Amino acid sequence: MSYIGLDAFYEQAANGTLPMISYIVGPTELSEHPPYSPHDGAWLQQQVVNAVTKGKNWNSTALKSVMTRAVVGAIMSLLTTL
C-alpha cells in the first residue's frame, strides 16, 4: 500500500483511474476526534464523495465510510447537548 495524497486521489477520481480499492486516511486536523469536531471530518468525507461522484467511472464505483465508536460517541454527546 502506498500513500499518494489527497490531490492525487482527486485527480485519479476525475480521470477514472482510481485503483480497485482506495483507502482515504485524512490528516489529523480533518478528523472527527477531539479536539477537532465532526464537522471537520464531514468536510473531508464530502470532498471525497464529490470527487468520486463527479469522476469518469462513477457508475461503477462503490463508496464506504467507516466510523469508529469514539466518533459515534462524540456525535451522540453533541446531539444530546443541542
PDB file of N, CA and C in Angstrom:
ATOM      1  N   MET A   1       0.855  -1.173   0.000  1.00  0.00           N
ATOM      2  CA  MET A   1       0.000   0.000   0.000  1.00  0.00           C
ATOM      3  C   MET A   1       0.901   1.236   0.000  1.00  0.00           C
ATOM      4  N   SER A   2       0.503   2.234  -0.755  1.00  0.00           N
ATOM      5  CA  SER A   2       1.301   3.455  -0.812  1.00  0.00           C
ATOM      6  C   SER A   2       0.426   4.668  -0.541  1.00  0.00           C
ATOM      7  N   TYR A   3       1.064   5.748  -0.174  1.00  0.00           N
ATOM      8  CA  TYR A   3       0.359   7.000   0.091  1.00  0.00           C
ATOM      9  C   TYR A   3       0.564   7.915  -1.095  1.00  0.00           C
ATOM     10  N   ILE A   4      -0.522   8.273  -1.758  1.00  0.00           N
ATOM     11  CA  ILE A   4      -0.398   9.145  -2.928  1.00  0.00           C
ATOM     12  C   ILE A   4      -0.868  10.559  -2.640  1.00  0.00           C
ATOM     13  N   GLY A   5      -1.570  10.772  -1.555  1.00  0.00           N
ATOM     14  CA  GLY A   5      -2.053  12.098  -1.207  1.00  0.00           C
ATOM     15  C   GLY A   5      -3.449  12.367  -1.741  1.00  0.00           C
ATOM     16  N   LEU A   6      -4.120  13.300  -1.105  1.00  0.00           N
ATOM     17  CA  LEU A   6      -5.496  13.616  -1.474  1.00  0.00           C
ATOM     18  C   LEU A   6      -5.605  14.226  -2.866  1.00  0.00           C
ATOM     19  N   ASP A   7      -4.674  15.100  -3.224  1.00  0.00           N
ATOM     20  CA  ASP A   7      -4.752  15.723  -4.551  1.00  0.00           C
ATOM     21  C   ASP A   7      -4.638  14.681  -5.654  1.00  0.00           C
ATOM     22  N   ALA A   8      -3.760  13.706  -5.470  1.00  0.00           N
ATOM     23  CA  ALA A   8      -3.628  12.640  -6.469  1.00  0.00           C
ATOM     24  C   ALA A   8      -4.896  11.795  -6.516  1.00  0.00           C
ATOM     25  N   PHE A   9      -5.514  11.553  -5.360  1.00  0.00           N
ATOM     26  CA  PHE A   9      -6.778  10.812  -5.327  1.00  0.00           C
ATOM     27  C   PHE A   9      -7.845  11.563  -6.119  1.00  0.00           C
ATOM     28  N   TYR A  10      -7.961  12.867  -5.868  1.00  0.00           N
ATOM     29  CA  TYR A  10      -8.961  13.667  -6.582  1.00  0.00           C
ATOM     30  C   TYR A  10      -8.719  13.625  -8.092  1.00  0.00           C
ATOM     31  N   GLU A  11      -7.457  13.708  -8.491  1.00  0.00           N
ATOM     32  CA  GLU A  11      -7.118  13.671  -9.921  1.00  0.00           C
ATOM     33  C   GLU A  11      -7.459  12.310 -10.529  1.00  0.00           C
ATOM     34  N   GLN A  12      -7.121  11.236  -9.820  1.00  0.00           N
ATOM     35  CA  GLN A  12      -7.436   9.903 -10.326  1.00  0.00           C
ATOM     36  C   GLN A  12      -8.944   9.682 -10.408  1.00  0.00           C
ATOM     37  N   ALA A  13      -9.685  10.200  -9.442  1.00  0.00           N
ATOM     38  CA  ALA A  13     -11.148  10.069  -9.481  1.00  0.00           C
ATOM     39  C   ALA A  13     -11.699  10.786 -10.711  1.00  0.00           C
ATOM     40  N   ALA A  14     -11.214  11.981 -10.965  1.00  0.00           N
ATOM     41  CA  ALA A  14     -11.680  12.757 -12.119  1.00  0.00           C
ATOM     42  C   ALA A  14     -11.371  12.049 -13.436  1.00  0.00           C
ATOM     43  N   ASN A  15     -10.186  11.438 -13.509  1.00  0.00           N
ATOM     44  CA  ASN A  15      -9.749  10.784 -14.744  1.00  0.00           C
ATOM     45  C   ASN A  15     -10.288   9.373 -14.912  1.00  0.00           C
ATOM     46  N   GLY A  16     -10.901   8.829 -13.852  1.00  0.00           N
ATOM     47  CA  GLY A  16     -11.380   7.454 -13.921  1.00  0.00           C
ATOM     48  C   GLY A  16     -10.272   6.438 -13.798  1.00  0.00           C
ATOM     49  N   THR A  17      -9.180   6.806 -13.113  1.00  0.00           N
ATOM     50  CA  THR A  17      -8.033   5.905 -12.995  1.00  0.00           C
ATOM     51  C   THR A  17      -7.760   5.466 -11.556  1.00  0.00           C
ATOM     52  N   LEU A  18      -8.779   5.498 -10.706  1.00  0.00           N
ATOM     53  CA  LEU A  18      -8.593   5.020  -9.332  1.00  0.00           C
ATOM     54  C   LEU A  18      -8.286   3.527  -9.348  1.00  0.00           C
ATOM     55  N   PRO A  19      -7.478   3.065  -8.389  1.00  0.00           N
ATOM     56  CA  PRO A  19      -7.258   1.625  -8.294  1.00  0.00           C
ATOM     57  C   PRO A  19      -8.539   0.924  -7.845  1.00  0.00           C
ATOM     58  N   MET A  20      -8.533  -0.393  -7.843  1.00  0.00           N
ATOM     59  CA  MET A  20      -9.739  -1.135  -7.461  1.00  0.00           C
ATOM     60  C   MET A  20     -10.192  -0.779  -6.044  1.00  0.00           C
ATOM     61  N   ILE A  21      -9.254  -0.549  -5.139  1.00  0.00           N
ATOM     62  CA  ILE A  21      -9.583  -0.178  -3.758  1.00  0.00           C
ATOM     63  C   ILE A  21      -8.707   1.000  -3.357  1.00  0.00           C
ATOM     64  N   SER A  22      -9.328   2.002  -2.744  1.00  0.00           N
ATOM     65  CA  SER A  22      -8.597   3.154  -2.218  1.00  0.00           C
ATOM     66  C   SER A  22      -9.003   3.347  -0.759  1.00  0.00           C
ATOM     67  N   TYR A  23      -8.036   3.571   0.089  1.00  0.00           N
ATOM     68  CA  TYR A  23      -8.294   3.893   1.491  1.00  0.00           C
ATOM     69  C   TYR A  23      -7.930   5.355   1.690  1.00  0.00           C
ATOM     70  N   ILE A  24      -8.859   6.117   2.232  1.00  0.00           N
ATOM     71  CA  ILE A  24      -8.607   7.530   2.487  1.00  0.00           C
ATOM     72  C   ILE A  24      -8.392   7.713   3.978  1.00  0.00           C
ATOM     73  N   VAL A  25      -7.211   8.153   4.348  1.00  0.00           N
ATOM     74  CA  VAL A  25      -6.903   8.494   5.731  1.00  0.00           C
ATOM     75  C   VAL A  25      -6.479   9.948   5.705  1.00  0.00           C
ATOM     76  N   GLY A  26      -7.375  10.795   6.161  1.00  0.00           N
ATOM     77  CA  GLY A  26      -7.104  12.227   6.104  1.00  0.00           C
ATOM     78  C   GLY A  26      -6.151  12.683   7.185  1.00  0.00           C
ATOM     79  N   PRO A  27      -5.693  13.909   7.067  1.00  0.00           N
ATOM     80  CA  PRO A  27      -4.812  14.474   8.086  1.00  0.00           C
ATOM     81  C   PRO A  27      -5.554  14.641   9.406  1.00  0.00           C
ATOM     82  N   THR A  28      -4.818  14.666  10.485  1.00  0.00           N
ATOM     83  CA  THR A  28      -5.401  14.746  11.827  1.00  0.00           C
ATOM     84  C   THR A  28      -6.366  15.909  11.960  1.00  0.00           C
ATOM     85  N   GLU A  29      -6.024  17.053  11.401  1.00  0.00           N
ATOM     86  CA  GLU A  29      -6.886  18.227  11.552  1.00  0.00           C
ATOM     87  C   GLU A  29      -8.205  18.110  10.801  1.00  0.00           C
ATOM     88  N   LEU A  30      -8.339  17.078   9.969  1.00  0.00           N
ATOM     89  CA  LEU A  30      -9.612  16.822   9.296  1.00  0.00           C
ATOM     90  C   LEU A  30     -10.248  15.530   9.820  1.00  0.00           C
ATOM     91  N   SER A  31      -9.940  15.221  11.068  1.00  0.00           N
ATOM     92  CA  SER A  31     -10.534  14.034  11.686  1.00  0.00           C
ATOM     93  C   SER A  31     -11.741  14.455  12.515  1.00  0.00           C
ATOM     94  N   GLU A  32     -12.427  13.480  13.033  1.00  0.00           N
ATOM     95  CA  GLU A  32     -13.593  13.743  13.874  1.00  0.00           C
ATOM     96  C   GLU A  32     -13.272  13.494  15.338  1.00  0.00           C
ATOM     97  N   HIS A  33     -11.995  13.376  15.635  1.00  0.00           N
ATOM     98  CA  HIS A  33     -11.563  13.096  17.002  1.00  0.00           C
ATOM     99  C   HIS A  33     -11.168  14.392  17.702  1.00  0.00           C
ATOM    100  N   PRO A  34     -11.460  14.506  19.002  1.00  0.00           N
ATOM    101  CA  PRO A  34     -11.100  15.712  19.754  1.00  0.00           C
ATOM    102  C   PRO A  34      -9.609  15.996  19.608  1.00  0.00           C
ATOM    103  N   PRO A  35      -9.234  17.232  19.491  1.00  0.00           N
ATOM    104  CA  PRO A  35     -10.022  18.446  19.716  1.00  0.00           C
ATOM    105  C   PRO A  35     -10.782  18.914  18.474  1.00  0.00           C
ATOM    106  N   TYR A  36     -10.776  18.124  17.420  1.00  0.00           N
ATOM    107  CA  TYR A  36     -11.480  18.504  16.197  1.00  0.00           C
ATOM    108  C   TYR A  36     -12.938  18.066  16.275  1.00  0.00           C
ATOM    109  N   SER A  37     -13.762  18.571  15.403  1.00  0.00           N
ATOM    110  CA  SER A  37     -15.201  18.301  15.505  1.00  0.00           C
ATOM    111  C   SER A  37     -15.671  17.395  14.375  1.00  0.00           C
ATOM    112  N   PRO A  38     -16.848  16.793  14.532  1.00  0.00           N
ATOM    113  CA  PRO A  38     -17.419  16.001  13.444  1.00  0.00           C
ATOM    114  C   PRO A  38     -17.545  16.802  12.146  1.00  0.00           C
ATOM    115  N   HIS A  39     -17.717  18.106  12.267  1.00  0.00           N
ATOM    116  CA  HIS A  39     -17.809  18.973  11.083  1.00  0.00           C
ATOM    117  C   HIS A  39     -16.536  18.880  10.249  1.00  0.00           C
ATOM    118  N   ASP A  40     -15.383  18.801  10.916  1.00  0.00           N
ATOM    119  CA  ASP A  40     -14.104  18.732  10.197  1.00  0.00           C
ATOM    120  C   ASP A  40     -14.002  17.452   9.376  1.00  0.00           C
ATOM    121  N   GLY A  41     -14.336  16.329   9.992  1.00  0.00           N
ATOM    122  CA  GLY A  41     -14.295  15.048   9.284  1.00  0.00           C
ATOM    123  C   GLY A  41     -15.340  14.964   8.187  1.00  0.00           C
ATOM    124  N   ALA A  42     -16.504  15.559   8.447  1.00  0.00           N
ATOM    125  CA  ALA A  42     -17.580  15.546   7.450  1.00  0.00           C
ATOM    126  C   ALA A  42     -17.163  16.329   6.201  1.00  0.00           C
ATOM    127  N   TRP A  43     -16.414  17.389   6.396  1.00  0.00           N
ATOM    128  CA  TRP A  43     -15.947  18.175   5.252  1.00  0.00           C
ATOM    129  C   TRP A  43     -15.077  17.310   4.340  1.00  0.00           C
ATOM    130  N   LEU A  44     -14.147  16.554   4.936  1.00  0.00           N
ATOM    131  CA  LEU A  44     -13.277  15.698   4.132  1.00  0.00           C
ATOM    132  C   LEU A  44     -14.093  14.615   3.427  1.00  0.00           C
ATOM    133  N   GLN A  45     -15.020  14.003   4.143  1.00  0.00           N
ATOM    134  CA  GLN A  45     -15.857  12.983   3.511  1.00  0.00           C
ATOM    135  C   GLN A  45     -16.620  13.555   2.325  1.00  0.00           C
ATOM    136  N   GLN A  46     -17.112  14.778   2.457  1.00  0.00           N
ATOM    137  CA  GLN A  46     -17.848  15.401   1.356  1.00  0.00           C
ATOM    138  C   GLN A  46     -16.942  15.644   0.155  1.00  0.00           C
ATOM    139  N   GLN A  47     -15.690  16.030   0.410  1.00  0.00           N
ATOM    140  CA  GLN A  47     -14.745  16.245  -0.690  1.00  0.00           C
ATOM    141  C   GLN A  47     -14.494  14.944  -1.455  1.00  0.00           C
ATOM    142  N   VAL A  48     -14.346  13.848  -0.713  1.00  0.00           N
ATOM    143  CA  VAL A  48     -14.113  12.546  -1.335  1.00  0.00           C
ATOM    144  C   VAL A  48     -15.335  12.124  -2.151  1.00  0.00           C
ATOM    145  N   VAL A  49     -16.523  12.260  -1.567  1.00  0.00           N
ATOM    146  CA  VAL A  49     -17.749  11.899  -2.269  1.00  0.00           C
ATOM    147  C   VAL A  49     -17.899  12.726  -3.536  1.00  0.00           C
ATOM    148  N   ASN A  50     -17.665  14.027  -3.443  1.00  0.00           N
ATOM    149  CA  ASN A  50     -17.779  14.899  -4.616  1.00  0.00           C
ATOM    150  C   ASN A  50     -16.800  14.487  -5.713  1.00  0.00           C
ATOM    151  N   ALA A  51     -15.564  14.180  -5.321  1.00  0.00           N
ATOM    152  CA  ALA A  51     -14.554  13.787  -6.316  1.00  0.00           C
ATOM    153  C   ALA A  51     -14.974  12.514  -7.034  1.00  0.00           C
ATOM    154  N   VAL A  52     -15.459  11.536  -6.282  1.00  0.00           N
ATOM    155  CA  VAL A  52     -15.831  10.258  -6.889  1.00  0.00           C
ATOM    156  C   VAL A  52     -17.079  10.401  -7.751  1.00  0.00           C
ATOM    157  N   THR A  53     -18.096  11.087  -7.235  1.00  0.00           N
ATOM    158  CA  THR A  53     -19.360  11.171  -7.978  1.00  0.00           C
ATOM    159  C   THR A  53     -19.259  12.050  -9.219  1.00  0.00           C
ATOM    160  N   LYS A  54     -18.271  12.918  -9.281  1.00  0.00           N
ATOM    161  CA  LYS A  54     -18.067  13.733 -10.475  1.00  0.00           C
ATOM    162  C   LYS A  54     -17.042  13.097 -11.416  1.00  0.00           C
ATOM    163  N   GLY A  55     -16.483  11.965 -10.991  1.00  0.00           N
ATOM    164  CA  GLY A  55     -15.447  11.300 -11.771  1.00  0.00           C
ATOM    165  C   GLY A  55     -15.997  10.512 -12.945  1.00  0.00           C
ATOM    166  N   LYS A  56     -15.077  10.129 -13.799  1.00  0.00           N
ATOM    167  CA  LYS A  56     -15.401   9.440 -15.044  1.00  0.00           C
ATOM    168  C   LYS A  56     -16.070   8.082 -14.833  1.00  0.00           C
ATOM    169  N   ASN A  57     -15.682   7.347 -13.792  1.00  0.00           N
ATOM    170  CA  ASN A  57     -16.195   5.991 -13.580  1.00  0.00           C
ATOM    171  C   ASN A  57     -17.187   5.899 -12.432  1.00  0.00           C
ATOM    172  N   TRP A  58     -17.889   6.972 -12.149  1.00  0.00           N
ATOM    173  CA  TRP A  58     -18.831   6.975 -11.036  1.00  0.00           C
ATOM    174  C   TRP A  58     -19.836   5.837 -11.117  1.00  0.00           C
ATOM    175  N   ASN A  59     -20.301   5.503 -12.311  1.00  0.00           N
ATOM    176  CA  ASN A  59     -21.335   4.479 -12.461  1.00  0.00           C
ATOM    177  C   ASN A  59     -20.869   3.080 -12.071  1.00  0.00           C
ATOM    178  N   SER A  60     -19.578   2.890 -11.862  1.00  0.00           N
ATOM    179  CA  SER A  60     -19.087   1.576 -11.442  1.00  0.00           C
ATOM    180  C   SER A  60     -18.248   1.671 -10.163  1.00  0.00           C
ATOM    181  N   THR A  61     -18.577   2.640  -9.318  1.00  0.00           N
ATOM    182  CA  THR A  61     -17.824   2.885  -8.099  1.00  0.00           C
ATOM    183  C   THR A  61     -18.707   2.697  -6.877  1.00  0.00           C
ATOM    184  N   ALA A  62     -18.144   2.099  -5.843  1.00  0.00           N
ATOM    185  CA  ALA A  62     -18.834   1.953  -4.556  1.00  0.00           C
ATOM    186  C   ALA A  62     -18.070   2.761  -3.512  1.00  0.00           C
ATOM    187  N   LEU A  63     -18.802   3.428  -2.636  1.00  0.00           N
ATOM    188  CA  LEU A  63     -18.197   4.184  -1.540  1.00  0.00           C
ATOM    189  C   LEU A  63     -18.614   3.566  -0.214  1.00  0.00           C
ATOM    190  N   LYS A  64     -17.678   3.493   0.711  1.00  0.00           N
ATOM    191  CA  LYS A  64     -17.994   3.006   2.053  1.00  0.00           C
ATOM    192  C   LYS A  64     -17.278   3.894   3.051  1.00  0.00           C
ATOM    193  N   SER A  65     -18.010   4.357   4.033  1.00  0.00           N
ATOM    194  CA  SER A  65     -17.448   5.193   5.080  1.00  0.00           C
ATOM    195  C   SER A  65     -17.470   4.411   6.387  1.00  0.00           C
ATOM    196  N   VAL A  66     -16.387   4.465   7.122  1.00  0.00           N
ATOM    197  CA  VAL A  66     -16.291   3.748   8.391  1.00  0.00           C
ATOM    198  C   VAL A  66     -16.074   4.757   9.507  1.00  0.00           C
ATOM    199  N   MET A  67     -16.874   4.613  10.551  1.00  0.00           N
ATOM    200  CA  MET A  67     -16.735   5.483  11.718  1.00  0.00           C
ATOM    201  C   MET A  67     -16.360   4.634  12.926  1.00  0.00           C
ATOM    202  N   THR A  68     -15.501   5.174  13.771  1.00  0.00           N
ATOM    203  CA  THR A  68     -15.115   4.466  14.977  1.00  0.00           C
ATOM    204  C   THR A  68     -16.139   4.706  16.088  1.00  0.00           C
ATOM    205  N   ARG A  69     -16.099   3.873  17.102  1.00  0.00           N
ATOM    206  CA  ARG A  69     -17.001   4.062  18.247  1.00  0.00           C
ATOM    207  C   ARG A  69     -16.793   5.418  18.903  1.00  0.00           C
ATOM    208  N   ALA A  70     -15.541   5.866  18.932  1.00  0.00           N
ATOM    209  CA  ALA A  70     -15.257   7.163  19.545  1.00  0.00           C
ATOM    210  C   ALA A  70     -15.983   8.284  18.806  1.00  0.00           C
ATOM    211  N   VAL A  71     -16.004   8.202  17.492  1.00  0.00           N
ATOM    212  CA  VAL A  71     -16.674   9.232  16.699  1.00  0.00           C
ATOM    213  C   VAL A  71     -18.176   9.184  16.934  1.00  0.00           C
ATOM    214  N   VAL A  72     -18.738   7.982  16.923  1.00  0.00           N
ATOM    215  CA  VAL A  72     -20.172   7.853  17.159  1.00  0.00           C
ATOM    216  C   VAL A  72     -20.527   8.394  18.537  1.00  0.00           C
ATOM    217  N   GLY A  73     -19.716   8.073  19.536  1.00  0.00           N
ATOM    218  CA  GLY A  73     -19.949   8.581  20.897  1.00  0.00           C
ATOM    219  C   GLY A  73     -19.890  10.097  20.956  1.00  0.00           C
ATOM    220  N   ALA A  74     -18.925  10.688  20.254  1.00  0.00           N
ATOM    221  CA  ALA A  74     -18.799  12.151  20.241  1.00  0.00           C
ATOM    222  C   ALA A  74     -20.004  12.795  19.571  1.00  0.00           C
ATOM    223  N   ILE A  75     -20.469  12.208  18.497  1.00  0.00           N
ATOM    224  CA  ILE A  75     -21.647  12.746  17.796  1.00  0.00           C
ATOM    225  C   ILE A  75     -22.874  12.652  18.694  1.00  0.00           C
ATOM    226  N   MET A  76     -23.043  11.514  19.367  1.00  0.00           N
ATOM    227  CA  MET A  76     -24.197  11.345  20.258  1.00  0.00           C
ATOM    228  C   MET A  76     -24.139  12.350  21.404  1.00  0.00           C
ATOM    229  N   SER A  77     -22.952  12.575  21.950  1.00  0.00           N
ATOM    230  CA  SER A  77     -22.806  13.565  23.039  1.00  0.00           C
ATOM    231  C   SER A  77     -23.157  14.957  22.542  1.00  0.00           C
ATOM    232  N   LEU A  78     -22.709  15.276  21.352  1.00  0.00           N
ATOM    233  CA  LEU A  78     -23.005  16.582  20.771  1.00  0.00           C
ATOM    234  C   LEU A  78     -24.502  16.748  20.554  1.00  0.00           C
ATOM    235  N   LEU A  79     -25.152  15.720  20.030  1.00  0.00           N
ATOM    236  CA  LEU A  79     -26.577  15.804  19.760  1.00  0.00           C
ATOM    237  C   LEU A  79     -27.402  15.958  21.044  1.00  0.00           C
ATOM    238  N   THR A  80     -26.956  15.349  22.126  1.00  0.00           N
ATOM    239  CA  THR A  80     -27.728  15.449  23.366  1.00  0.00           C
ATOM    240  C   THR A  80     -27.588  16.820  24.007  1.00  0.00           C
ATOM    241  N   THR A  81     -26.592  17.590  23.605  1.00  0.00           N
ATOM    242  CA  THR A  81     -26.422  18.939  24.165  1.00  0.00           C
ATOM    243  C   THR A  81     -27.175  19.989  23.356  1.00  0.00           C
ATOM    244  N   LEU A  82     -27.687  19.624  22.215  1.00  0.00           N
ATOM    245  CA  LEU A  82     -28.397  20.592  21.359  1.00  0.00           C
ATOM    246  C   LEU A  82     -29.803  20.826  21.828  1.00  0.00           C
TER     247      LEU A  82
END
